[in-house]
Amino acid sequence: MTLESVGRLRWVLPSPLLWLAVVLARGATDGWVPYGFLLPAHGSGSLAVHVVALLGAHVAAGALVWAASRTGPRAQRSRGRSRTFGSSGAGSGGPA
């Protein structure tokens, strides 16, 4: 995995971060959270460890999906094709 591909994994974080923000805000106002390990009553250290673990698992899942999309027969076929649009080469769908 290159440094550029690792940088692309940042795009998997907004969704779980927003979810965590909503869950923790609701937990602070209502006292209800969907999972017991997110209860602030267990202490901020426990909450921080669980939040970091959840985000790490989410990034790991994103990395697995990214890696899987670059292996296998479909990825091998698409590597031979040009990824530029609007080129006037034969078979590109553009004007000849």
N, C-alpha and C. Protein backbone atom coordinates (compact mmCIF):
# COMPACT_ATOMS: atom_id res chain seq x y z
N MET A 1 0.85 -1.16 0.00
CA MET A 1 0.00 0.00 0.00
C MET A 1 0.90 1.24 0.00
N THR A 2 0.63 2.15 -0.90
CA THR A 2 1.44 3.36 -0.99
C THR A 2 0.90 4.43 -0.04
N LEU A 3 1.68 5.46 0.17
CA LEU A 3 1.26 6.56 1.03
C LEU A 3 0.03 7.26 0.48
N GLU A 4 -0.05 7.35 -0.85
CA GLU A 4 -1.23 7.96 -1.48
C GLU A 4 -2.49 7.15 -1.20
N SER A 5 -2.39 5.82 -1.29
CA SER A 5 -3.56 4.98 -1.04
C SER A 5 -3.96 5.02 0.42
N VAL A 6 -3.00 5.14 1.34
CA VAL A 6 -3.34 5.28 2.75
C VAL A 6 -4.06 6.60 2.98
N GLY A 7 -3.65 7.65 2.29
CA GLY A 7 -4.32 8.94 2.41
C GLY A 7 -5.76 8.90 1.94
N ARG A 8 -6.06 8.04 1.01
CA ARG A 8 -7.44 7.93 0.52
C ARG A 8 -8.36 7.30 1.56
N LEU A 9 -7.80 6.60 2.52
CA LEU A 9 -8.64 5.98 3.55
C LEU A 9 -9.29 7.01 4.46
N ARG A 10 -8.83 8.25 4.41
CA ARG A 10 -9.46 9.28 5.23
C ARG A 10 -10.92 9.49 4.83
N TRP A 11 -11.29 9.06 3.65
CA TRP A 11 -12.67 9.25 3.18
C TRP A 11 -13.64 8.28 3.82
N VAL A 12 -13.14 7.28 4.57
CA VAL A 12 -14.06 6.37 5.26
C VAL A 12 -14.40 6.87 6.66
N LEU A 13 -13.75 7.94 7.12
CA LEU A 13 -13.95 8.40 8.50
C LEU A 13 -15.14 9.34 8.73
N PRO A 14 -15.58 10.16 7.79
CA PRO A 14 -16.68 11.09 8.12
C PRO A 14 -17.95 10.42 8.63
N SER A 15 -18.34 9.33 8.04
CA SER A 15 -19.58 8.66 8.45
C SER A 15 -19.52 8.17 9.90
N PRO A 16 -18.51 7.39 10.30
CA PRO A 16 -18.50 6.96 11.71
C PRO A 16 -18.26 8.10 12.69
N LEU A 17 -17.52 9.14 12.28
CA LEU A 17 -17.32 10.28 13.17
C LEU A 17 -18.62 11.02 13.41
N LEU A 18 -19.42 11.20 12.37
CA LEU A 18 -20.72 11.84 12.52
C LEU A 18 -21.63 10.99 13.40
N TRP A 19 -21.62 9.67 13.17
CA TRP A 19 -22.44 8.75 13.97
C TRP A 19 -22.03 8.85 15.44
N LEU A 20 -20.73 8.82 15.71
CA LEU A 20 -20.26 8.92 17.09
C LEU A 20 -20.65 10.24 17.73
N ALA A 21 -20.56 11.32 16.98
CA ALA A 21 -20.93 12.63 17.52
C ALA A 21 -22.40 12.65 17.91
N VAL A 22 -23.26 12.10 17.05
CA VAL A 22 -24.70 12.08 17.34
C VAL A 22 -24.98 11.18 18.54
N VAL A 23 -24.36 10.00 18.57
CA VAL A 23 -24.59 9.06 19.67
C VAL A 23 -24.12 9.66 21.00
N LEU A 24 -22.93 10.26 21.00
CA LEU A 24 -22.42 10.82 22.25
C LEU A 24 -23.21 12.05 22.68
N ALA A 25 -23.67 12.85 21.73
CA ALA A 25 -24.51 14.00 22.08
C ALA A 25 -25.83 13.54 22.66
N ARG A 26 -26.40 12.51 22.06
CA ARG A 26 -27.66 12.00 22.59
C ARG A 26 -27.44 11.35 23.95
N GLY A 27 -26.32 10.68 24.12
CA GLY A 27 -26.01 10.08 25.42
C GLY A 27 -25.86 11.14 26.50
N ALA A 28 -25.30 12.28 26.12
CA ALA A 28 -25.12 13.37 27.09
C ALA A 28 -26.45 14.03 27.44
N THR A 29 -27.39 14.08 26.48
CA THR A 29 -28.67 14.76 26.75
C THR A 29 -29.73 13.81 27.29
N ASP A 30 -29.85 12.61 26.70
CA ASP A 30 -30.89 11.66 27.10
C ASP A 30 -30.41 10.60 28.08
N GLY A 31 -29.11 10.35 28.07
CA GLY A 31 -28.59 9.25 28.87
C GLY A 31 -28.72 7.90 28.18
N TRP A 32 -29.11 7.91 26.90
CA TRP A 32 -29.29 6.66 26.15
C TRP A 32 -28.25 6.59 25.03
N VAL A 33 -27.60 5.44 24.93
CA VAL A 33 -26.71 5.14 23.81
C VAL A 33 -27.04 3.73 23.34
N PRO A 34 -26.82 3.42 22.06
CA PRO A 34 -27.22 2.11 21.55
C PRO A 34 -26.36 0.96 22.06
N TYR A 35 -25.17 1.24 22.55
CA TYR A 35 -24.27 0.20 23.03
C TYR A 35 -23.75 0.58 24.39
N GLY A 36 -23.75 -0.36 25.32
CA GLY A 36 -23.34 -0.09 26.68
C GLY A 36 -21.91 0.39 26.84
N PHE A 37 -21.04 -0.04 25.94
CA PHE A 37 -19.64 0.38 26.06
C PHE A 37 -19.43 1.84 25.70
N LEU A 38 -20.43 2.51 25.16
CA LEU A 38 -20.34 3.94 24.86
C LEU A 38 -20.91 4.81 25.98
N LEU A 39 -21.30 4.21 27.07
CA LEU A 39 -21.83 4.99 28.18
C LEU A 39 -20.73 5.80 28.84
N PRO A 40 -20.94 7.10 28.97
CA PRO A 40 -19.93 7.93 29.65
C PRO A 40 -19.74 7.55 31.12
N ALA A 41 -20.70 6.86 31.70
CA ALA A 41 -20.61 6.47 33.11
C ALA A 41 -19.45 5.51 33.36
N HIS A 42 -18.98 4.82 32.34
CA HIS A 42 -17.86 3.89 32.48
C HIS A 42 -16.52 4.62 32.55
N GLY A 43 -16.52 5.91 32.33
CA GLY A 43 -15.30 6.70 32.40
C GLY A 43 -14.83 7.14 31.03
N SER A 44 -14.16 8.26 31.00
CA SER A 44 -13.71 8.81 29.72
C SER A 44 -12.59 7.97 29.11
N GLY A 45 -11.78 7.31 29.93
CA GLY A 45 -10.72 6.44 29.40
C GLY A 45 -11.29 5.26 28.63
N SER A 46 -12.30 4.62 29.21
CA SER A 46 -12.96 3.50 28.54
C SER A 46 -13.63 3.96 27.25
N LEU A 47 -14.28 5.11 27.31
CA LEU A 47 -14.94 5.65 26.12
C LEU A 47 -13.93 5.95 25.03
N ALA A 48 -12.81 6.55 25.39
CA ALA A 48 -11.77 6.88 24.40
C ALA A 48 -11.20 5.62 23.76
N VAL A 49 -10.94 4.60 24.55
CA VAL A 49 -10.41 3.34 24.00
C VAL A 49 -11.40 2.73 23.02
N HIS A 50 -12.68 2.72 23.37
CA HIS A 50 -13.68 2.13 22.49
C HIS A 50 -13.87 2.95 21.21
N VAL A 51 -13.82 4.26 21.32
CA VAL A 51 -13.96 5.11 20.13
C VAL A 51 -12.79 4.88 19.18
N VAL A 52 -11.57 4.85 19.72
CA VAL A 52 -10.39 4.60 18.88
C VAL A 52 -10.47 3.21 18.24
N ALA A 53 -10.91 2.22 19.00
CA ALA A 53 -11.04 0.87 18.44
C ALA A 53 -12.09 0.82 17.34
N LEU A 54 -13.21 1.50 17.53
CA LEU A 54 -14.25 1.53 16.50
C LEU A 54 -13.75 2.20 15.22
N LEU A 55 -13.07 3.32 15.37
CA LEU A 55 -12.55 4.02 14.19
C LEU A 55 -11.46 3.19 13.50
N GLY A 56 -10.62 2.53 14.29
CA GLY A 56 -9.59 1.66 13.71
C GLY A 56 -10.20 0.49 12.93
N ALA A 57 -11.26 -0.10 13.49
CA ALA A 57 -11.93 -1.20 12.79
C ALA A 57 -12.57 -0.70 11.49
N HIS A 58 -13.11 0.50 11.53
CA HIS A 58 -13.74 1.06 10.33
C HIS A 58 -12.70 1.34 9.24
N VAL A 59 -11.56 1.88 9.63
CA VAL A 59 -10.48 2.13 8.66
C VAL A 59 -9.94 0.81 8.12
N ALA A 60 -9.80 -0.20 8.99
CA ALA A 60 -9.32 -1.51 8.54
C ALA A 60 -10.29 -2.13 7.53
N ALA A 61 -11.59 -2.01 7.80
CA ALA A 61 -12.58 -2.53 6.85
C ALA A 61 -12.50 -1.78 5.53
N GLY A 62 -12.32 -0.47 5.59
CA GLY A 62 -12.16 0.31 4.36
C GLY A 62 -10.93 -0.11 3.58
N ALA A 63 -9.83 -0.40 4.29
CA ALA A 63 -8.60 -0.85 3.62
C ALA A 63 -8.80 -2.21 2.96
N LEU A 64 -9.53 -3.09 3.62
CA LEU A 64 -9.81 -4.41 3.02
C LEU A 64 -10.67 -4.29 1.77
N VAL A 65 -11.67 -3.44 1.82
CA VAL A 65 -12.51 -3.23 0.64
C VAL A 65 -11.69 -2.61 -0.49
N TRP A 66 -10.85 -1.64 -0.15
CA TRP A 66 -10.00 -1.01 -1.16
C TRP A 66 -9.06 -2.04 -1.78
N ALA A 67 -8.42 -2.86 -0.94
CA ALA A 67 -7.49 -3.87 -1.45
C ALA A 67 -8.21 -4.91 -2.30
N ALA A 68 -9.40 -5.30 -1.87
CA ALA A 68 -10.16 -6.28 -2.65
C ALA A 68 -10.58 -5.73 -4.00
N SER A 69 -10.79 -4.42 -4.09
CA SER A 69 -11.19 -3.83 -5.36
C SER A 69 -10.02 -3.77 -6.34
N ARG A 70 -8.81 -3.95 -5.85
CA ARG A 70 -7.63 -3.90 -6.72
C ARG A 70 -7.05 -5.27 -7.01
N THR A 71 -7.72 -6.31 -6.62
CA THR A 71 -7.28 -7.67 -6.91
C THR A 71 -8.42 -8.41 -7.59
N GLY A 72 -8.11 -9.54 -8.13
CA GLY A 72 -9.14 -10.36 -8.76
C GLY A 72 -9.26 -10.09 -10.25
N PRO A 73 -10.11 -10.86 -10.91
CA PRO A 73 -10.21 -10.78 -12.38
C PRO A 73 -10.72 -9.43 -12.90
N ARG A 74 -11.66 -8.80 -12.22
CA ARG A 74 -12.17 -7.51 -12.72
C ARG A 74 -11.10 -6.45 -12.69
N ALA A 75 -10.30 -6.42 -11.63
CA ALA A 75 -9.23 -5.43 -11.53
C ALA A 75 -8.17 -5.68 -12.60
N GLN A 76 -7.88 -6.94 -12.90
CA GLN A 76 -6.89 -7.26 -13.92
C GLN A 76 -7.35 -6.78 -15.30
N ARG A 77 -8.64 -6.95 -15.59
CA ARG A 77 -9.17 -6.51 -16.89
C ARG A 77 -9.15 -4.99 -17.01
N SER A 78 -9.51 -4.29 -15.92
CA SER A 78 -9.61 -2.83 -16.01
C SER A 78 -8.25 -2.16 -16.07
N ARG A 79 -7.19 -2.83 -15.66
CA ARG A 79 -5.86 -2.22 -15.72
C ARG A 79 -5.39 -2.02 -17.15
N GLY A 80 -5.90 -2.80 -18.07
CA GLY A 80 -5.49 -2.67 -19.46
C GLY A 80 -6.21 -1.54 -20.18
N ARG A 81 -7.28 -1.01 -19.60
CA ARG A 81 -8.06 0.05 -20.23
C ARG A 81 -7.54 1.41 -19.82
N SER A 82 -7.76 2.37 -20.69
CA SER A 82 -7.40 3.74 -20.37
C SER A 82 -8.47 4.32 -19.47
N ARG A 83 -8.08 5.09 -18.49
CA ARG A 83 -9.04 5.69 -17.56
C ARG A 83 -9.31 7.15 -17.89
N THR A 84 -8.83 7.64 -19.03
CA THR A 84 -9.10 9.02 -19.39
C THR A 84 -10.39 9.09 -20.19
N PHE A 85 -11.11 10.14 -20.00
CA PHE A 85 -12.37 10.33 -20.70
C PHE A 85 -12.17 11.34 -21.82
N GLY A 86 -12.91 11.14 -22.88
CA GLY A 86 -12.89 12.08 -23.97
C GLY A 86 -11.75 11.89 -24.94
N SER A 87 -11.00 10.81 -24.80
CA SER A 87 -9.92 10.59 -25.76
C SER A 87 -10.53 10.15 -27.08
N SER A 88 -9.85 10.42 -28.17
CA SER A 88 -10.42 10.12 -29.47
C SER A 88 -9.91 8.80 -30.03
N GLY A 89 -9.44 7.92 -29.17
CA GLY A 89 -8.96 6.61 -29.63
C GLY A 89 -10.11 5.72 -30.04
N ALA A 90 -9.78 4.67 -30.76
CA ALA A 90 -10.79 3.74 -31.24
C ALA A 90 -11.43 3.03 -30.03
N GLY A 91 -12.73 2.90 -30.06
CA GLY A 91 -13.44 2.20 -29.02
C GLY A 91 -13.70 3.02 -27.78
N SER A 92 -13.36 4.29 -27.79
CA SER A 92 -13.56 5.10 -26.61
C SER A 92 -14.95 5.73 -26.58
N GLY A 93 -15.66 5.62 -27.66
CA GLY A 93 -16.99 6.21 -27.72
C GLY A 93 -16.98 7.65 -28.15
N GLY A 94 -15.80 8.20 -28.33
CA GLY A 94 -15.68 9.60 -28.74
C GLY A 94 -15.61 9.70 -30.24
N PRO A 95 -15.59 10.90 -30.78
CA PRO A 95 -15.50 11.07 -32.24
C PRO A 95 -14.16 10.58 -32.76
N ALA A 96 -14.17 10.05 -33.94
CA ALA A 96 -12.94 9.49 -34.52
C ALA A 96 -12.13 10.54 -35.21
